[in-house]
């Protein structure tokens, strides 16, 4: 399942985002979207988790935390 994460702090890194979601199961990828001109985060990301049930648990637990 591909999960959209919005309202991210600019200080969040892909590694810290992956570590946060790792608590709920396997994470295939964590990708913060960056501005192509400045290289600065746009404030949102996508996390890919192969297990839908683990992804649902992560969504429920982390909804509103960012």
Protein backbone atom coordinates (compact mmCIF):
# COMPACT_ATOMS: atom_id res chain seq x y z
CA UNK A 1 0.00 0.00 0.00
CA UNK A 2 1.28 3.44 -0.89
CA UNK A 3 0.59 5.88 1.97
CA UNK A 4 0.53 9.66 1.55
CA UNK A 5 1.94 11.61 4.50
CA UNK A 6 1.21 15.33 4.58
CA UNK A 7 2.16 18.31 6.76
CA UNK A 8 5.69 17.04 7.37
CA UNK A 9 8.19 19.20 9.15
CA UNK A 10 11.07 20.24 6.92
CA UNK A 11 13.44 18.57 9.40
CA UNK A 12 12.02 15.05 8.80
CA UNK A 13 14.37 12.79 6.84
CA UNK A 14 13.57 9.70 4.79
CA UNK A 15 15.48 7.57 7.31
CA UNK A 16 13.52 8.91 10.29
CA UNK A 17 10.24 8.46 8.42
CA UNK A 18 11.14 4.88 7.52
CA UNK A 19 12.14 4.15 11.13
CA UNK A 20 8.80 5.47 12.37
CA UNK A 21 6.83 3.21 10.02
CA UNK A 22 9.15 0.24 10.65
CA UNK A 23 7.51 -0.05 14.07
CA UNK A 24 4.35 -1.29 12.31
CA UNK A 25 5.90 -3.68 9.80
CA UNK A 26 8.04 -3.92 6.69
CA UNK A 27 8.63 -0.71 4.75
CA UNK A 28 9.65 -1.01 1.11
CA UNK A 29 10.39 2.69 0.66
CA UNK A 30 9.98 6.13 2.18
CA UNK A 31 10.27 9.05 -0.23
CA UNK A 32 10.07 12.70 0.76
CA UNK A 33 9.08 14.89 -2.17
CA UNK A 34 11.51 17.75 -2.74
CA UNK A 35 11.46 20.89 -4.83
CA UNK A 36 13.62 20.29 -7.90
CA UNK A 37 15.10 23.79 -7.84
CA UNK A 38 15.85 24.28 -4.14
CA UNK A 39 16.14 20.66 -2.99
CA UNK A 40 13.97 21.54 0.02
CA UNK A 41 11.17 19.27 1.18
CA UNK A 42 7.71 20.17 -0.08
CA UNK A 43 6.23 18.97 3.22
CA UNK A 44 4.83 15.64 2.08
CA UNK A 45 6.01 12.11 1.46
CA UNK A 46 4.98 8.62 0.39
CA UNK A 47 5.67 5.41 2.32
CA UNK A 48 5.27 2.05 0.59
CA UNK A 49 4.34 -0.93 2.77
CA UNK A 50 3.71 -4.36 1.17
CA UNK A 51 1.23 -5.53 3.83
CA UNK A 52 -2.12 -3.75 3.75
CA UNK A 53 -2.94 -4.76 7.32
CA UNK A 54 0.37 -3.36 8.64
CA UNK A 55 -0.19 -0.20 6.60
CA UNK A 56 -3.69 0.19 8.06
CA UNK A 57 -2.28 -0.15 11.58
CA UNK A 58 0.33 2.52 10.84
CA UNK A 59 -2.30 4.87 9.39
CA UNK A 60 -4.57 4.49 12.42
CA UNK A 61 -1.74 4.93 14.92
CA UNK A 62 -0.02 7.87 13.19
CA UNK A 63 -3.02 9.80 11.81
CA UNK A 64 -2.76 13.38 12.99
CA UNK A 65 0.75 13.00 14.47
CA UNK A 66 2.51 15.08 11.80
